[in-house]
N, C-alpha and C. Protein backbone atom coordinates (compact mmCIF):
# COMPACT_ATOMS: atom_id res chain seq x y z
N MET A 1 6.18 34.69 -30.92
CA MET A 1 5.18 33.98 -29.90
C MET A 1 4.09 35.06 -29.02
N SER A 2 2.84 35.18 -29.00
CA SER A 2 2.36 35.66 -27.90
C SER A 2 2.54 35.37 -26.79
N GLY A 3 1.96 36.51 -25.75
CA GLY A 3 2.15 35.81 -23.78
C GLY A 3 1.67 34.67 -23.64
N ARG A 4 0.43 34.67 -24.19
CA ARG A 4 -0.02 33.67 -23.80
C ARG A 4 0.47 32.40 -24.38
N GLN A 5 0.43 31.97 -25.55
CA GLN A 5 1.05 31.14 -26.58
C GLN A 5 2.67 30.64 -25.17
N SER A 6 3.36 31.51 -24.70
CA SER A 6 4.95 31.19 -23.90
C SER A 6 4.10 30.60 -22.09
N LEU A 7 2.68 31.37 -22.07
CA LEU A 7 2.37 31.60 -21.13
C LEU A 7 1.74 29.26 -21.29
N THR A 8 1.52 28.85 -21.82
CA THR A 8 1.04 27.82 -22.07
C THR A 8 2.12 26.57 -22.32
N GLY A 9 2.84 27.04 -22.95
CA GLY A 9 4.48 26.39 -22.93
C GLY A 9 4.82 26.28 -21.90
N LEU A 10 4.88 27.44 -21.03
CA LEU A 10 5.66 26.98 -19.77
C LEU A 10 4.97 26.02 -18.04
N GLY A 11 3.72 26.30 -19.50
CA GLY A 11 3.00 25.42 -18.15
C GLY A 11 2.98 24.10 -18.47
N PHE A 12 2.55 24.00 -20.08
CA PHE A 12 2.92 22.62 -20.41
C PHE A 12 4.40 21.47 -19.73
N LEU A 13 5.90 22.26 -19.67
CA LEU A 13 6.88 22.12 -19.64
C LEU A 13 6.90 22.12 -18.11
N SER A 14 6.19 22.73 -17.18
CA SER A 14 6.26 22.82 -15.92
C SER A 14 5.51 21.74 -15.19
N GLY A 15 4.23 20.90 -16.10
CA GLY A 15 3.56 19.81 -15.77
C GLY A 15 4.62 18.96 -15.57
N ILE A 16 5.16 18.60 -17.15
CA ILE A 16 6.47 17.33 -17.82
C ILE A 16 7.25 17.27 -16.40
N ALA A 17 7.65 18.59 -16.29
CA ALA A 17 8.26 18.82 -14.79
C ALA A 17 8.80 17.63 -13.80
N ALA A 18 7.49 18.87 -13.21
CA ALA A 18 6.56 18.18 -12.24
C ALA A 18 6.02 16.45 -12.00
N GLY A 19 5.25 15.77 -12.78
CA GLY A 19 5.44 14.17 -12.72
C GLY A 19 6.44 13.60 -13.52
N MET A 20 7.46 14.25 -13.77
CA MET A 20 9.04 13.83 -14.19
C MET A 20 9.16 13.11 -12.15
N ALA A 21 9.28 14.17 -11.96
CA ALA A 21 9.90 14.28 -10.24
C ALA A 21 9.13 13.66 -9.48
N LEU A 22 7.48 13.74 -9.74
CA LEU A 22 6.57 12.79 -8.49
C LEU A 22 6.73 10.78 -9.20
N TRP A 23 7.00 11.24 -10.34
CA TRP A 23 7.78 9.58 -10.75
C TRP A 23 8.82 8.92 -10.20
N SER A 24 9.47 9.70 -10.60
CA SER A 24 11.29 9.35 -9.26
C SER A 24 11.19 9.01 -7.92
N LEU A 25 10.08 10.12 -7.50
CA LEU A 25 10.31 10.53 -5.77
C LEU A 25 9.55 8.90 -5.65
N HIS A 26 8.25 8.22 -6.50
CA HIS A 26 7.69 7.05 -6.35
C HIS A 26 8.85 6.07 -6.45
N LEU A 27 9.31 5.92 -7.62
CA LEU A 27 10.11 4.65 -7.68
C LEU A 27 11.29 4.50 -6.57
N HIS A 28 11.74 5.93 -6.25
CA HIS A 28 12.60 5.70 -5.34
C HIS A 28 12.03 5.48 -3.89
N ARG A 29 10.97 5.42 -3.38
CA ARG A 29 10.31 5.19 -2.30
C ARG A 29 9.60 3.60 -2.57
N SER A 30 9.45 2.97 -3.37
CA SER A 30 8.78 1.69 -4.27
C SER A 30 9.80 0.38 -4.40
N ARG A 31 11.22 1.12 -3.86
CA ARG A 31 12.14 0.13 -4.40
C ARG A 31 12.63 -0.64 -2.77
N ARG A 32 11.42 -0.38 -1.84
CA ARG A 32 11.62 -0.99 -0.67
C ARG A 32 9.74 -1.71 -0.30
N GLU A 33 9.26 -1.99 -1.28
CA GLU A 33 7.98 -2.41 -1.85
C GLU A 33 8.08 -3.50 -2.75
N LEU A 34 9.18 -4.23 -2.78
CA LEU A 34 8.97 -5.41 -3.54
C LEU A 34 7.64 -6.32 -3.12
N PHE A 35 8.03 -6.81 -1.79
CA PHE A 35 7.33 -8.07 -1.07
C PHE A 35 6.05 -7.06 -1.05
N SER A 36 5.83 -6.11 -1.19
CA SER A 36 4.27 -5.81 -0.35
C SER A 36 2.96 -6.68 -1.00
N THR A 37 1.57 -6.02 -0.32
CA THR A 37 0.94 -7.04 -0.49
C THR A 37 -0.20 -6.21 -1.71
N SER A 38 0.46 -5.03 -2.30
CA SER A 38 -0.31 -4.67 -3.11
C SER A 38 0.69 -4.61 -4.97
N PRO A 39 0.25 -5.14 -6.10
CA PRO A 39 0.57 -5.34 -6.68
C PRO A 39 1.54 -4.28 -7.75
N VAL A 40 0.48 -2.84 -7.90
CA VAL A 40 0.91 -1.95 -8.08
C VAL A 40 2.08 -0.86 -7.47
N ARG A 41 2.36 -1.62 -6.32
CA ARG A 41 3.77 -1.17 -5.19
C ARG A 41 4.86 -2.06 -5.80
N ARG A 42 4.35 -3.41 -5.78
CA ARG A 42 5.24 -4.63 -6.22
C ARG A 42 5.82 -3.95 -8.06
N LEU A 43 5.15 -3.30 -9.18
CA LEU A 43 5.76 -3.32 -10.04
C LEU A 43 6.40 -2.07 -10.04
N GLY A 44 5.96 -1.35 -9.19
CA GLY A 44 6.63 0.12 -9.02
C GLY A 44 8.40 -0.47 -8.33
N ALA A 45 8.07 -1.74 -7.41
CA ALA A 45 9.48 -1.49 -7.18
C ALA A 45 10.21 -2.45 -8.12
N LEU A 46 9.75 -3.48 -9.00
CA LEU A 46 10.62 -4.38 -10.45
C LEU A 46 11.07 -2.62 -11.07
N GLY A 47 10.59 -1.87 -11.60
CA GLY A 47 11.00 -0.45 -12.38
C GLY A 47 12.10 0.06 -11.40
N TYR A 48 12.34 0.24 -10.16
CA TYR A 48 13.60 0.96 -10.04
C TYR A 48 14.08 -0.19 -9.40
N LEU A 49 14.57 -1.15 -9.26
CA LEU A 49 15.22 -2.34 -9.44
C LEU A 49 15.95 -2.32 -11.17
N GLY A 50 14.77 -2.63 -12.03
CA GLY A 50 15.10 -2.34 -13.33
C GLY A 50 16.72 -1.39 -13.55
N GLY A 51 16.35 -0.07 -13.11
CA GLY A 51 17.40 0.95 -13.15
C GLY A 51 18.60 0.90 -12.33
N HIS A 52 18.65 -0.23 -11.57
CA HIS A 52 19.60 -0.30 -10.28
C HIS A 52 20.31 -1.16 -10.23
N PRO A 53 20.84 -2.20 -11.85
CA PRO A 53 21.30 -3.23 -12.07
C PRO A 53 22.35 -3.68 -10.46
N GLY A 54 22.73 -4.62 -10.60
CA GLY A 54 23.98 -4.92 -9.48
C GLY A 54 23.26 -6.49 -8.86
N ALA A 55 24.76 -6.68 -7.85
CA ALA A 55 24.66 -8.37 -7.25
C ALA A 55 23.42 -8.33 -7.11
N ARG A 56 23.40 -7.21 -5.85
CA ARG A 56 22.44 -6.77 -4.71
C ARG A 56 20.88 -7.50 -5.15
N SER A 57 21.07 -6.10 -5.75
CA SER A 57 19.45 -6.23 -6.87
C SER A 57 19.01 -8.03 -7.31
N ALA A 58 20.31 -8.17 -7.96
CA ALA A 58 20.09 -9.47 -9.04
C ALA A 58 19.67 -10.85 -7.83
N ARG A 59 20.32 -10.77 -6.61
CA ARG A 59 19.34 -11.38 -5.05
C ARG A 59 18.53 -11.67 -4.82
N LEU A 60 17.60 -10.10 -4.50
CA LEU A 60 17.00 -9.36 -4.41
C LEU A 60 15.79 -10.39 -5.95
N LEU A 61 15.93 -9.66 -6.58
CA LEU A 61 15.35 -9.98 -7.75
C LEU A 61 14.78 -11.71 -8.06
N ARG A 62 16.14 -12.53 -7.40
CA ARG A 62 15.90 -13.61 -7.58
C ARG A 62 14.85 -14.49 -6.55
N ASP A 63 14.75 -13.97 -5.18
CA ASP A 63 14.36 -14.28 -4.38
C ASP A 63 12.62 -14.12 -4.89
N TYR A 64 12.56 -13.01 -5.39
CA TYR A 64 11.16 -11.92 -5.60
C TYR A 64 10.82 -13.15 -6.57
N VAL A 65 10.86 -13.50 -7.66
CA VAL A 65 10.27 -14.34 -8.25
C VAL A 65 9.75 -15.68 -8.04
N GLN A 66 11.21 -16.38 -7.36
CA GLN A 66 10.22 -17.04 -6.33
C GLN A 66 8.81 -17.21 -5.31
N TRP A 67 9.02 -15.56 -5.45
CA TRP A 67 7.74 -15.82 -4.34
C TRP A 67 6.48 -15.16 -4.62
N GLU A 68 6.99 -14.23 -6.00
CA GLU A 68 5.63 -14.04 -6.72
C GLU A 68 4.42 -15.15 -7.10
N ARG A 69 3.37 -14.39 -7.24
CA ARG A 69 2.11 -15.18 -7.70
C ARG A 69 1.41 -15.20 -8.66
N ARG A 70 1.56 -13.64 -9.20
CA ARG A 70 1.20 -13.11 -10.46
C ARG A 70 2.37 -13.70 -11.65
N PRO A 71 1.08 -13.88 -12.74
CA PRO A 71 2.14 -14.45 -13.32
C PRO A 71 2.95 -13.41 -14.21
N ALA A 72 1.94 -12.10 -14.18
CA ALA A 72 2.09 -11.14 -15.21
C ALA A 72 3.57 -10.34 -14.48
N LEU A 73 3.26 -10.34 -13.58
CA LEU A 73 4.65 -9.26 -12.31
C LEU A 73 5.35 -10.68 -11.94
N ARG A 74 5.65 -11.56 -12.28
CA ARG A 74 6.81 -12.59 -11.78
C ARG A 74 7.49 -12.79 -13.41
N ARG A 75 6.79 -12.66 -14.84
CA ARG A 75 7.48 -12.74 -15.69
C ARG A 75 8.65 -11.38 -15.95
N ARG A 76 7.52 -10.52 -15.55
CA ARG A 76 8.85 -9.22 -15.50
C ARG A 76 9.73 -8.93 -14.53
N GLY A 77 9.89 -9.76 -13.52
CA GLY A 77 10.81 -10.32 -12.47
C GLY A 77 11.87 -11.19 -13.29
N GLU A 78 11.16 -12.02 -14.48
CA GLU A 78 12.38 -13.35 -14.58
C GLU A 78 13.14 -12.10 -15.68
N ARG A 79 12.31 -11.24 -16.86
CA ARG A 79 13.16 -10.61 -17.61
C ARG A 79 13.83 -9.53 -17.26
N LEU A 80 13.56 -9.29 -15.79
CA LEU A 80 14.22 -7.72 -15.12
C LEU A 80 15.81 -8.49 -14.65
N LEU A 81 15.54 -9.85 -14.25
CA LEU A 81 16.78 -10.90 -13.92
C LEU A 81 17.54 -11.15 -14.95
N ARG A 82 17.05 -12.16 -15.88
CA ARG A 82 17.85 -12.26 -17.61
C ARG A 82 18.57 -11.32 -17.32
N ARG A 83 18.15 -9.89 -17.79
CA ARG A 83 18.71 -8.76 -18.24
C ARG A 83 20.08 -8.86 -17.00
N MET A 84 19.40 -8.54 -15.94
CA MET A 84 20.71 -8.17 -14.87
C MET A 84 21.81 -9.07 -14.68
N ASN A 85 21.69 -10.29 -14.76
CA ASN A 85 22.66 -11.36 -15.12
C ASN A 85 23.71 -11.11 -15.67
N ALA A 86 23.06 -10.59 -17.45
CA ALA A 86 23.72 -10.49 -18.59
C ALA A 86 24.64 -9.21 -18.43
N TYR A 87 23.97 -8.22 -17.60
CA TYR A 87 24.94 -7.22 -17.63
C TYR A 87 26.06 -7.29 -16.24
N LEU A 88 25.83 -8.78 -15.32
CA LEU A 88 26.60 -8.26 -14.39
C LEU A 88 27.83 -9.24 -15.14
N ASP A 89 27.16 -10.20 -16.28
CA ASP A 89 28.28 -11.35 -16.35
C ASP A 89 29.19 -10.60 -17.30
N GLU A 90 28.75 -9.43 -18.51
CA GLU A 90 29.63 -8.60 -19.02
C GLU A 90 30.84 -8.23 -18.64
N ARG A 91 30.57 -7.99 -17.49
CA ARG A 91 31.20 -6.99 -16.28
C ARG A 91 32.03 -7.44 -15.46
N GLY A 92 31.57 -8.74 -15.67
CA GLY A 92 32.68 -9.80 -14.90
C GLY A 92 32.36 -10.12 -13.30
N HIS A 93 31.12 -10.03 -13.16
CA HIS A 93 30.45 -10.06 -11.26
C HIS A 93 29.79 -11.01 -11.51
N SER A 94 30.04 -11.48 -10.26
CA SER A 94 28.70 -12.22 -10.36
C SER A 94 27.62 -12.32 -9.18
N CYS A 95 26.46 -12.73 -9.17
CA CYS A 95 25.53 -12.45 -8.12
C CYS A 95 25.02 -13.16 -7.26
N GLN A 96 26.45 -14.53 -6.76
CA GLN A 96 25.65 -15.36 -6.11
C GLN A 96 26.15 -15.12 -4.71
């Protein structure tokens, strides 16, 4: 492999790593944005909560689903809530 190809590959991998790090940071910050006025921020918060199942997240999602007015985001929240409740049920935890 030539030096130019090596640098191109390294640049590509560095770009992927930087993108993943920025997305992770965005999701981490988004966890507080579930009730934001911005639909994009709410979507990011849903993504964060989807990766962090637990009784606290399920209670928060239940409140969010009742609050959300955008049908697409409400459906996403409902799907996450169903999945999270199933996860908690199989582990014997309650989200009440």
